[in-house]
Amino acid sequence: MSKTYRVLFSPESEAQLAALYRYIAAAGSPLTALDYTEAIVITCETLANFPERGVRRDDVRPGLRTTHHRGRVVIAYAIIDDDVHILGIYYGGQDYESLIRG
């Protein structure tokens, strides 16, 4: 039987999701924004079963991993004990490396 991790969202990642929602809602529609941001949350939640599927990025920060959602969103996270900590959600080519280092 495989281990299931708990997925925790940092305040920063929650703020980034909210900002992305507002951006898409303003440019398109609230329903589209809701569907897109909920899909990102689902992608994050799948890390509960397969947390090591992301790419290790110790060059940016020790213990950091990244994965993608639909090719446009980088999800930065760390596995700590039995938890997957979502550290940031970066859309559209944002320089997440600099933001995480800072």
C-alpha atoms as a PDB file:
ATOM      1  CA  MET A   1       0.000   0.000   0.000  1.00  0.00           C
ATOM      2  CA  SER A   2       1.397   3.387  -0.954  1.00  0.00           C
ATOM      3  CA  LYS A   3       1.666   6.322   1.377  1.00  0.00           C
ATOM      4  CA  THR A   4      -0.656   9.297   0.978  1.00  0.00           C
ATOM      5  CA  TYR A   5       0.682  12.731   1.800  1.00  0.00           C
ATOM      6  CA  ARG A   6      -1.251  15.746   2.989  1.00  0.00           C
ATOM      7  CA  VAL A   7      -1.180  18.700   0.566  1.00  0.00           C
ATOM      8  CA  LEU A   8      -0.870  22.108   2.220  1.00  0.00           C
ATOM      9  CA  PHE A   9      -1.071  25.449   0.413  1.00  0.00           C
ATOM     10  CA  SER A  10       1.107  28.308   1.639  1.00  0.00           C
ATOM     11  CA  PRO A  11      -0.500  31.726   2.035  1.00  0.00           C
ATOM     12  CA  GLU A  12       1.603  32.851  -0.957  1.00  0.00           C
ATOM     13  CA  SER A  13       0.281  30.081  -3.193  1.00  0.00           C
ATOM     14  CA  GLU A  14      -3.301  30.848  -2.148  1.00  0.00           C
ATOM     15  CA  ALA A  15      -2.752  34.531  -2.953  1.00  0.00           C
ATOM     16  CA  GLN A  16      -1.270  33.597  -6.340  1.00  0.00           C
ATOM     17  CA  LEU A  17      -4.305  31.431  -7.148  1.00  0.00           C
ATOM     18  CA  ALA A  18      -6.641  34.266  -6.157  1.00  0.00           C
ATOM     19  CA  ALA A  19      -4.696  36.738  -8.316  1.00  0.00           C
ATOM     20  CA  LEU A  20      -4.795  34.341 -11.273  1.00  0.00           C
ATOM     21  CA  TYR A  21      -8.543  33.910 -10.780  1.00  0.00           C
ATOM     22  CA  ARG A  22      -9.068  37.688 -10.794  1.00  0.00           C
ATOM     23  CA  TYR A  23      -6.917  38.105 -13.908  1.00  0.00           C
ATOM     24  CA  ILE A  24      -8.777  35.428 -15.894  1.00  0.00           C
ATOM     25  CA  ALA A  25     -12.182  36.599 -14.643  1.00  0.00           C
ATOM     26  CA  ALA A  26     -11.456  40.152 -15.782  1.00  0.00           C
ATOM     27  CA  ALA A  27     -10.073  39.074 -19.163  1.00  0.00           C
ATOM     28  CA  GLY A  28     -12.637  36.365 -19.813  1.00  0.00           C
ATOM     29  CA  SER A  29     -15.285  35.166 -17.411  1.00  0.00           C
ATOM     30  CA  PRO A  30     -15.609  34.199 -13.751  1.00  0.00           C
ATOM     31  CA  LEU A  31     -16.692  30.675 -14.745  1.00  0.00           C
ATOM     32  CA  THR A  32     -13.592  30.182 -16.899  1.00  0.00           C
ATOM     33  CA  ALA A  33     -11.425  31.533 -14.073  1.00  0.00           C
ATOM     34  CA  LEU A  34     -13.035  29.199 -11.559  1.00  0.00           C
ATOM     35  CA  ASP A  35     -12.639  26.151 -13.816  1.00  0.00           C
ATOM     36  CA  TYR A  36      -8.981  26.944 -14.498  1.00  0.00           C
ATOM     37  CA  THR A  37      -7.960  27.645 -10.906  1.00  0.00           C
ATOM     38  CA  GLU A  38      -9.872  24.606  -9.627  1.00  0.00           C
ATOM     39  CA  ALA A  39      -7.998  22.460 -12.162  1.00  0.00           C
ATOM     40  CA  ILE A  40      -4.706  23.797 -10.771  1.00  0.00           C
ATOM     41  CA  VAL A  41      -5.807  22.882  -7.244  1.00  0.00           C
ATOM     42  CA  ILE A  42      -6.678  19.367  -8.444  1.00  0.00           C
ATOM     43  CA  THR A  43      -3.223  19.046 -10.027  1.00  0.00           C
ATOM     44  CA  CYS A  44      -1.701  20.075  -6.698  1.00  0.00           C
ATOM     45  CA  GLU A  45      -3.862  17.597  -4.803  1.00  0.00           C
ATOM     46  CA  THR A  46      -2.667  14.713  -7.005  1.00  0.00           C
ATOM     47  CA  LEU A  47       0.748  15.245  -5.428  1.00  0.00           C
ATOM     48  CA  ALA A  48      -0.700  13.524  -2.337  1.00  0.00           C
ATOM     49  CA  ASN A  49      -0.219  10.185  -4.093  1.00  0.00           C
ATOM     50  CA  PHE A  50       2.812  10.917  -6.280  1.00  0.00           C
ATOM     51  CA  PRO A  51       4.824  13.721  -4.646  1.00  0.00           C
ATOM     52  CA  GLU A  52       8.158  12.759  -6.163  1.00  0.00           C
ATOM     53  CA  ARG A  53       6.978  13.029  -9.765  1.00  0.00           C
ATOM     54  CA  GLY A  54       8.155  16.619 -10.017  1.00  0.00           C
ATOM     55  CA  VAL A  55      11.640  17.707 -10.960  1.00  0.00           C
ATOM     56  CA  ARG A  56      14.094  18.309  -8.111  1.00  0.00           C
ATOM     57  CA  ARG A  57      15.361  21.893  -8.096  1.00  0.00           C
ATOM     58  CA  ASP A  58      17.926  21.895  -5.312  1.00  0.00           C
ATOM     59  CA  ASP A  59      19.827  24.437  -7.419  1.00  0.00           C
ATOM     60  CA  VAL A  60      17.100  26.965  -6.604  1.00  0.00           C
ATOM     61  CA  ARG A  61      16.338  25.925  -3.034  1.00  0.00           C
ATOM     62  CA  PRO A  62      17.161  22.745  -1.092  1.00  0.00           C
ATOM     63  CA  GLY A  63      14.245  20.305  -1.240  1.00  0.00           C
ATOM     64  CA  LEU A  64      12.380  22.246  -3.923  1.00  0.00           C
ATOM     65  CA  ARG A  65      10.471  20.362  -6.609  1.00  0.00           C
ATOM     66  CA  THR A  66       8.479  21.686  -9.533  1.00  0.00           C
ATOM     67  CA  THR A  67       5.778  20.299 -11.746  1.00  0.00           C
ATOM     68  CA  HIS A  68       3.548  21.841 -14.401  1.00  0.00           C
ATOM     69  CA  HIS A  69      -0.134  22.295 -15.068  1.00  0.00           C
ATOM     70  CA  ARG A  70      -1.144  22.437 -18.724  1.00  0.00           C
ATOM     71  CA  GLY A  71       2.296  23.704 -19.714  1.00  0.00           C
ATOM     72  CA  ARG A  72       1.651  27.295 -18.569  1.00  0.00           C
ATOM     73  CA  VAL A  73       1.714  26.982 -14.791  1.00  0.00           C
ATOM     74  CA  VAL A  74       4.697  26.013 -12.650  1.00  0.00           C
ATOM     75  CA  ILE A  75       3.834  24.555  -9.264  1.00  0.00           C
ATOM     76  CA  ALA A  76       6.697  24.823  -6.773  1.00  0.00           C
ATOM     77  CA  TYR A  77       6.557  22.550  -3.736  1.00  0.00           C
ATOM     78  CA  ALA A  78       8.542  20.729  -1.078  1.00  0.00           C
ATOM     79  CA  ILE A  79       7.996  17.385   0.594  1.00  0.00           C
ATOM     80  CA  ILE A  80       8.413  17.708   4.347  1.00  0.00           C
ATOM     81  CA  ASP A  81       7.725  14.605   6.416  1.00  0.00           C
ATOM     82  CA  ASP A  82       4.196  13.474   5.446  1.00  0.00           C
ATOM     83  CA  ASP A  83       3.214  16.768   3.840  1.00  0.00           C
ATOM     84  CA  VAL A  84       3.503  18.316   0.399  1.00  0.00           C
ATOM     85  CA  HIS A  85       3.863  22.069   0.864  1.00  0.00           C
ATOM     86  CA  ILE A  86       2.729  24.060  -2.171  1.00  0.00           C
ATOM     87  CA  LEU A  87       5.099  27.025  -2.050  1.00  0.00           C
ATOM     88  CA  GLY A  88       4.065  28.887  -5.166  1.00  0.00           C
ATOM     89  CA  ILE A  89       1.980  28.814  -8.322  1.00  0.00           C
ATOM     90  CA  TYR A  90       3.552  30.743 -11.201  1.00  0.00           C
ATOM     91  CA  TYR A  91       1.741  31.482 -14.461  1.00  0.00           C
ATOM     92  CA  GLY A  92       2.907  32.392 -17.923  1.00  0.00           C
ATOM     93  CA  GLY A  93       6.675  32.392 -17.675  1.00  0.00           C
ATOM     94  CA  GLN A  94       7.071  34.210 -14.370  1.00  0.00           C
ATOM     95  CA  ASP A  95      10.631  33.996 -13.037  1.00  0.00           C
ATOM     96  CA  TYR A  96       9.755  31.630 -10.194  1.00  0.00           C
ATOM     97  CA  GLU A  97      13.417  30.859  -9.524  1.00  0.00           C
ATOM     98  CA  SER A  98      14.175  34.445  -8.505  1.00  0.00           C
ATOM     99  CA  LEU A  99      10.935  34.731  -6.559  1.00  0.00           C
ATOM    100  CA  ILE A 100      11.633  31.567  -4.558  1.00  0.00           C
ATOM    101  CA  ARG A 101      15.271  32.469  -3.923  1.00  0.00           C
ATOM    102  CA  GLY A 102      14.163  35.877  -2.644  1.00  0.00           C
END
